[in-house]
Amino acid sequence: MSLEGKKTIFKLEVKEWLFHSIYKLLEEDYEDFEEKGYEHPPFRNSIFILFGIFAYIDKMELYRGNGKKSSNNRLVGGVKRIFTNLANKEENEIRDILRKSRHNLMHQAIIGDNILVNLGFGDVGFDEAIDIVNKDGKQEIRIHPIKAYDTIIKDFEEYLNNIDSDDDLKDKFEIFFDKVYKYEIDIIKSDS
């Protein structure tokens, strides 16, 4: 299978299965907000949006050749790479974001203490997609799902553009793609 064929399948997988689902969840919350006259956009879908954002980060780190690292280490690296305002944060601060958001969501279906998820509120105090802020002597982790969604879309487009010009990135993409789609590729080869 050609590189272009692989990229087409990969784009469909990420854009249609993941990004489209996140978008529909965001859209649903905002439709309810407008129709029902809530003072602030509801929080209901933001938990699932966060699932999608963290799934994207883990997926992209695998395609970037970081499969030998643990999921937690992949996520730390991915968060620091994608959310550039966090690039200089200590690893333990990023692990705290992950523990209180992703891990609590995965294992307990709740968000941990001092996590603020914002879908509106005039964006007061939410300058970044994900940020760590000290307020009144306490650390707050602020997550803006819409900004995080926009950030991962930008990251994906940059990744796709770089595959063609970066041989190392292209090789890692093809190795992992072939691993994920081995069964389908074998079927295509046997039908030829």
C-alpha atoms as a PDB file:
ATOM      1  CA  MET A   1       0.000   0.000   0.000  1.00  0.00           C
ATOM      2  CA  SER A   2       1.331   3.433  -0.926  1.00  0.00           C
ATOM      3  CA  LEU A   3       2.142   6.153   1.586  1.00  0.00           C
ATOM      4  CA  GLU A   4      -0.725   8.241   0.191  1.00  0.00           C
ATOM      5  CA  GLY A   5      -3.142   5.328   0.675  1.00  0.00           C
ATOM      6  CA  LYS A   6      -1.992   4.909   4.266  1.00  0.00           C
ATOM      7  CA  LYS A   7      -2.331   8.634   4.925  1.00  0.00           C
ATOM      8  CA  THR A   8      -5.867   8.608   3.490  1.00  0.00           C
ATOM      9  CA  ILE A   9      -6.941   5.794   5.800  1.00  0.00           C
ATOM     10  CA  PHE A  10      -5.227   7.436   8.760  1.00  0.00           C
ATOM     11  CA  LYS A  11      -6.904  10.805   8.034  1.00  0.00           C
ATOM     12  CA  LEU A  12     -10.308   9.130   7.875  1.00  0.00           C
ATOM     13  CA  GLU A  13      -9.644   7.287  11.122  1.00  0.00           C
ATOM     14  CA  VAL A  14      -8.589  10.383  13.043  1.00  0.00           C
ATOM     15  CA  LYS A  15     -10.854  12.977  11.459  1.00  0.00           C
ATOM     16  CA  GLU A  16     -14.041  10.937  11.122  1.00  0.00           C
ATOM     17  CA  TRP A  17     -13.851   8.621  14.114  1.00  0.00           C
ATOM     18  CA  LEU A  18     -12.219  10.896  16.649  1.00  0.00           C
ATOM     19  CA  PHE A  19     -12.400  14.572  15.666  1.00  0.00           C
ATOM     20  CA  HIS A  20     -15.951  14.365  14.307  1.00  0.00           C
ATOM     21  CA  SER A  21     -17.136  12.673  17.508  1.00  0.00           C
ATOM     22  CA  ILE A  22     -15.501  15.347  19.671  1.00  0.00           C
ATOM     23  CA  TYR A  23     -17.036  18.067  17.516  1.00  0.00           C
ATOM     24  CA  LYS A  24     -20.536  16.548  17.804  1.00  0.00           C
ATOM     25  CA  LEU A  25     -20.208  16.410  21.597  1.00  0.00           C
ATOM     26  CA  LEU A  26     -19.158  20.071  21.708  1.00  0.00           C
ATOM     27  CA  GLU A  27     -21.982  21.000  19.358  1.00  0.00           C
ATOM     28  CA  GLU A  28     -24.544  19.124  21.458  1.00  0.00           C
ATOM     29  CA  ASP A  29     -23.520  20.943  24.630  1.00  0.00           C
ATOM     30  CA  TYR A  30     -23.775  24.317  22.932  1.00  0.00           C
ATOM     31  CA  GLU A  31     -27.146  23.522  21.332  1.00  0.00           C
ATOM     32  CA  ASP A  32     -28.521  22.567  24.758  1.00  0.00           C
ATOM     33  CA  PHE A  33     -27.019  25.753  26.197  1.00  0.00           C
ATOM     34  CA  GLU A  34     -28.788  27.951  23.672  1.00  0.00           C
ATOM     35  CA  GLU A  35     -32.090  26.046  23.558  1.00  0.00           C
ATOM     36  CA  LYS A  36     -32.534  25.613  27.301  1.00  0.00           C
ATOM     37  CA  GLY A  37     -31.228  29.023  28.293  1.00  0.00           C
ATOM     38  CA  TYR A  38     -28.534  27.804  30.674  1.00  0.00           C
ATOM     39  CA  GLU A  39     -26.414  30.560  32.181  1.00  0.00           C
ATOM     40  CA  HIS A  40     -23.240  28.675  31.168  1.00  0.00           C
ATOM     41  CA  PRO A  41     -22.675  25.909  28.631  1.00  0.00           C
ATOM     42  CA  PRO A  42     -23.307  22.545  30.315  1.00  0.00           C
ATOM     43  CA  PHE A  43     -20.448  20.372  31.487  1.00  0.00           C
ATOM     44  CA  ARG A  44     -22.067  17.080  30.440  1.00  0.00           C
ATOM     45  CA  ASN A  45     -19.991  16.148  27.395  1.00  0.00           C
ATOM     46  CA  SER A  46     -16.674  17.688  28.368  1.00  0.00           C
ATOM     47  CA  ILE A  47     -15.639  14.496  30.177  1.00  0.00           C
ATOM     48  CA  PHE A  48     -16.002  12.514  26.948  1.00  0.00           C
ATOM     49  CA  ILE A  49     -14.273  15.273  25.017  1.00  0.00           C
ATOM     50  CA  LEU A  50     -11.298  14.911  27.369  1.00  0.00           C
ATOM     51  CA  PHE A  51     -11.294  11.143  26.718  1.00  0.00           C
ATOM     52  CA  GLY A  52     -11.001  11.886  23.003  1.00  0.00           C
ATOM     53  CA  ILE A  53      -8.249  14.459  23.454  1.00  0.00           C
ATOM     54  CA  PHE A  54      -6.127  12.113  25.568  1.00  0.00           C
ATOM     55  CA  ALA A  55      -6.801   9.214  23.166  1.00  0.00           C
ATOM     56  CA  TYR A  56      -5.545  11.410  20.318  1.00  0.00           C
ATOM     57  CA  ILE A  57      -2.363  12.301  22.215  1.00  0.00           C
ATOM     58  CA  ASP A  58      -1.603   8.645  22.981  1.00  0.00           C
ATOM     59  CA  LYS A  59      -2.345   7.576  19.381  1.00  0.00           C
ATOM     60  CA  MET A  60      -0.084  10.241  17.907  1.00  0.00           C
ATOM     61  CA  GLU A  61       2.778   9.382  20.226  1.00  0.00           C
ATOM     62  CA  LEU A  62       2.507   5.751  19.063  1.00  0.00           C
ATOM     63  CA  TYR A  63       2.659   6.863  15.423  1.00  0.00           C
ATOM     64  CA  ARG A  64       5.659   9.040  16.261  1.00  0.00           C
ATOM     65  CA  GLY A  65       7.546   5.901  17.328  1.00  0.00           C
ATOM     66  CA  ASN A  66       7.093   6.112  21.093  1.00  0.00           C
ATOM     67  CA  GLY A  67       5.437   2.708  21.445  1.00  0.00           C
ATOM     68  CA  LYS A  68       8.118   1.313  23.733  1.00  0.00           C
ATOM     69  CA  LYS A  69       7.301   3.924  26.369  1.00  0.00           C
ATOM     70  CA  SER A  70       4.500   3.338  28.863  1.00  0.00           C
ATOM     71  CA  SER A  71       1.188   5.009  28.111  1.00  0.00           C
ATOM     72  CA  ASN A  72       1.804   7.436  30.956  1.00  0.00           C
ATOM     73  CA  ASN A  73       5.238   8.431  29.605  1.00  0.00           C
ATOM     74  CA  ARG A  74       3.834   8.786  26.076  1.00  0.00           C
ATOM     75  CA  LEU A  75       1.125  11.082  27.388  1.00  0.00           C
ATOM     76  CA  VAL A  76       3.579  13.235  29.362  1.00  0.00           C
ATOM     77  CA  GLY A  77       5.716  13.706  26.246  1.00  0.00           C
ATOM     78  CA  GLY A  78       2.684  14.300  24.036  1.00  0.00           C
ATOM     79  CA  VAL A  79       1.118  16.859  26.361  1.00  0.00           C
ATOM     80  CA  LYS A  80       4.398  18.784  26.549  1.00  0.00           C
ATOM     81  CA  ARG A  81       4.851  18.608  22.746  1.00  0.00           C
ATOM     82  CA  ILE A  82       1.296  19.609  21.776  1.00  0.00           C
ATOM     83  CA  PHE A  83       0.467  22.137  24.502  1.00  0.00           C
ATOM     84  CA  THR A  84       3.576  24.251  24.154  1.00  0.00           C
ATOM     85  CA  ASN A  85       2.806  26.438  27.177  1.00  0.00           C
ATOM     86  CA  LEU A  86       3.470  23.289  29.264  1.00  0.00           C
ATOM     87  CA  ALA A  87       6.764  22.376  27.546  1.00  0.00           C
ATOM     88  CA  ASN A  88       8.901  23.776  30.363  1.00  0.00           C
ATOM     89  CA  LYS A  89       6.797  22.397  33.202  1.00  0.00           C
ATOM     90  CA  GLU A  90       8.274  19.720  35.415  1.00  0.00           C
ATOM     91  CA  GLU A  91       7.335  16.163  34.496  1.00  0.00           C
ATOM     92  CA  ASN A  92       5.606  15.689  37.866  1.00  0.00           C
ATOM     93  CA  GLU A  93       3.320  18.669  37.094  1.00  0.00           C
ATOM     94  CA  ILE A  94       2.268  17.066  33.802  1.00  0.00           C
ATOM     95  CA  ARG A  95       1.748  13.731  35.567  1.00  0.00           C
ATOM     96  CA  ASP A  96      -0.482  15.566  38.058  1.00  0.00           C
ATOM     97  CA  ILE A  97      -2.621  16.897  35.183  1.00  0.00           C
ATOM     98  CA  LEU A  98      -2.891  13.385  33.790  1.00  0.00           C
ATOM     99  CA  ARG A  99      -3.628  11.788  37.166  1.00  0.00           C
ATOM    100  CA  LYS A 100      -6.348  14.267  38.062  1.00  0.00           C
ATOM    101  CA  SER A 101      -7.933  14.355  34.634  1.00  0.00           C
ATOM    102  CA  ARG A 102      -7.319  11.360  32.382  1.00  0.00           C
ATOM    103  CA  HIS A 103      -6.587   8.701  34.995  1.00  0.00           C
ATOM    104  CA  ASN A 104      -9.460   9.711  37.261  1.00  0.00           C
ATOM    105  CA  LEU A 105     -11.763   9.711  34.238  1.00  0.00           C
ATOM    106  CA  MET A 106     -10.589   6.280  33.109  1.00  0.00           C
ATOM    107  CA  HIS A 107     -10.697   4.587  36.494  1.00  0.00           C
ATOM    108  CA  GLN A 108     -13.350   6.450  38.476  1.00  0.00           C
ATOM    109  CA  ALA A 109     -15.409   8.359  35.869  1.00  0.00           C
ATOM    110  CA  ILE A 110     -14.798  11.655  37.690  1.00  0.00           C
ATOM    111  CA  ILE A 111     -12.400  14.551  37.440  1.00  0.00           C
ATOM    112  CA  GLY A 112     -10.022  15.038  40.359  1.00  0.00           C
ATOM    113  CA  ASP A 113      -9.756  17.929  42.789  1.00  0.00           C
ATOM    114  CA  ASN A 114      -8.695  21.360  41.562  1.00  0.00           C
ATOM    115  CA  ILE A 115      -9.498  20.572  37.926  1.00  0.00           C
ATOM    116  CA  LEU A 116     -11.550  23.237  36.192  1.00  0.00           C
ATOM    117  CA  VAL A 117     -13.037  22.331  32.829  1.00  0.00           C
ATOM    118  CA  ASN A 118     -14.335  25.386  31.013  1.00  0.00           C
ATOM    119  CA  LEU A 119     -16.553  25.507  27.947  1.00  0.00           C
ATOM    120  CA  GLY A 120     -17.378  29.156  28.173  1.00  0.00           C
ATOM    121  CA  PHE A 121     -17.634  31.664  30.989  1.00  0.00           C
ATOM    122  CA  GLY A 122     -16.164  34.313  28.696  1.00  0.00           C
ATOM    123  CA  ASP A 123     -12.812  32.505  28.856  1.00  0.00           C
ATOM    124  CA  VAL A 124     -11.937  34.415  32.033  1.00  0.00           C
ATOM    125  CA  GLY A 125      -8.667  32.993  33.295  1.00  0.00           C
ATOM    126  CA  PHE A 126      -8.501  30.339  30.575  1.00  0.00           C
ATOM    127  CA  ASP A 127      -5.816  31.715  28.295  1.00  0.00           C
ATOM    128  CA  GLU A 128      -4.463  28.299  27.302  1.00  0.00           C
ATOM    129  CA  ALA A 129      -6.020  24.989  26.291  1.00  0.00           C
ATOM    130  CA  ILE A 130      -4.483  23.348  29.363  1.00  0.00           C
ATOM    131  CA  ASP A 131      -2.736  25.278  32.083  1.00  0.00           C
ATOM    132  CA  ILE A 132      -1.525  25.074  35.664  1.00  0.00           C
ATOM    133  CA  VAL A 133      -2.332  28.156  37.724  1.00  0.00           C
ATOM    134  CA  ASN A 134      -1.575  28.971  41.347  1.00  0.00           C
ATOM    135  CA  LYS A 135      -4.559  30.703  42.882  1.00  0.00           C
ATOM    136  CA  ASP A 136      -4.903  31.622  46.538  1.00  0.00           C
ATOM    137  CA  GLY A 137      -2.070  29.263  47.442  1.00  0.00           C
ATOM    138  CA  LYS A 138      -3.681  26.307  45.640  1.00  0.00           C
ATOM    139  CA  GLN A 139      -2.776  24.797  42.311  1.00  0.00           C
ATOM    140  CA  GLU A 140      -5.579  24.681  39.740  1.00  0.00           C
ATOM    141  CA  ILE A 141      -5.457  22.719  36.525  1.00  0.00           C
ATOM    142  CA  ARG A 142      -7.529  24.528  33.922  1.00  0.00           C
ATOM    143  CA  ILE A 143      -8.681  22.707  30.821  1.00  0.00           C
ATOM    144  CA  HIS A 144     -10.586  24.404  28.024  1.00  0.00           C
ATOM    145  CA  PRO A 145     -11.911  21.553  25.830  1.00  0.00           C
ATOM    146  CA  ILE A 146     -12.612  23.741  22.789  1.00  0.00           C
ATOM    147  CA  LYS A 147      -9.114  25.207  22.806  1.00  0.00           C
ATOM    148  CA  ALA A 148      -7.648  21.748  23.430  1.00  0.00           C
ATOM    149  CA  TYR A 149      -9.694  20.393  20.497  1.00  0.00           C
ATOM    150  CA  ASP A 150      -8.451  23.198  18.235  1.00  0.00           C
ATOM    151  CA  THR A 151      -4.888  22.510  19.370  1.00  0.00           C
ATOM    152  CA  ILE A 152      -5.001  18.795  18.540  1.00  0.00           C
ATOM    153  CA  ILE A 153      -6.490  19.532  15.103  1.00  0.00           C
ATOM    154  CA  LYS A 154      -3.585  21.899  14.406  1.00  0.00           C
ATOM    155  CA  ASP A 155      -1.129  19.261  15.677  1.00  0.00           C
ATOM    156  CA  PHE A 156      -2.651  16.644  13.355  1.00  0.00           C
ATOM    157  CA  GLU A 157      -2.448  18.889  10.291  1.00  0.00           C
ATOM    158  CA  GLU A 158       1.191  19.701  11.067  1.00  0.00           C
ATOM    159  CA  TYR A 159       1.959  16.001  11.502  1.00  0.00           C
ATOM    160  CA  LEU A 160       0.401  15.119   8.139  1.00  0.00           C
ATOM    161  CA  ASN A 161       2.311  17.913   6.416  1.00  0.00           C
ATOM    162  CA  ASN A 162       5.609  16.818   8.000  1.00  0.00           C
ATOM    163  CA  ILE A 163       5.307  13.138   7.020  1.00  0.00           C
ATOM    164  CA  ASP A 164       6.208  13.976   3.421  1.00  0.00           C
ATOM    165  CA  SER A 165       9.336  15.951   4.288  1.00  0.00           C
ATOM    166  CA  ASP A 166      10.666  14.111   7.357  1.00  0.00           C
ATOM    167  CA  ASP A 167      11.988  10.626   6.500  1.00  0.00           C
ATOM    168  CA  ASP A 168      12.235   9.561  10.153  1.00  0.00           C
ATOM    169  CA  LEU A 169       8.627  10.598  10.841  1.00  0.00           C
ATOM    170  CA  LYS A 170       7.474   8.904   7.641  1.00  0.00           C
ATOM    171  CA  ASP A 171       9.283   5.657   8.516  1.00  0.00           C
ATOM    172  CA  LYS A 172       7.791   5.591  12.035  1.00  0.00           C
ATOM    173  CA  PHE A 173       4.335   6.323  10.623  1.00  0.00           C
ATOM    174  CA  GLU A 174       4.556   3.491   8.117  1.00  0.00           C
ATOM    175  CA  ILE A 175       5.949   0.999  10.648  1.00  0.00           C
ATOM    176  CA  PHE A 176       3.155   1.662  13.129  1.00  0.00           C
ATOM    177  CA  PHE A 177       0.452   1.859  10.435  1.00  0.00           C
ATOM    178  CA  ASP A 178       1.549  -1.513   9.042  1.00  0.00           C
ATOM    179  CA  LYS A 179       1.436  -2.960  12.554  1.00  0.00           C
ATOM    180  CA  VAL A 180      -2.078  -1.617  13.258  1.00  0.00           C
ATOM    181  CA  TYR A 181      -3.490  -2.551   9.853  1.00  0.00           C
ATOM    182  CA  LYS A 182      -1.531  -5.781   9.261  1.00  0.00           C
ATOM    183  CA  TYR A 183      -4.663  -7.899   8.839  1.00  0.00           C
ATOM    184  CA  GLU A 184      -6.271  -5.477   6.371  1.00  0.00           C
ATOM    185  CA  ILE A 185      -3.028  -5.061   4.390  1.00  0.00           C
ATOM    186  CA  ASP A 186      -2.666  -8.873   4.147  1.00  0.00           C
ATOM    187  CA  ILE A 187      -6.214  -9.091   2.745  1.00  0.00           C
ATOM    188  CA  ILE A 188      -5.485  -6.408   0.163  1.00  0.00           C
ATOM    189  CA  LYS A 189      -2.284  -8.199  -0.873  1.00  0.00           C
ATOM    190  CA  SER A 190      -4.052 -11.567  -1.178  1.00  0.00           C
ATOM    191  CA  ASP A 191      -6.790 -10.059  -3.372  1.00  0.00           C
ATOM    192  CA  SER A 192      -4.260  -8.543  -5.786  1.00  0.00           C
END
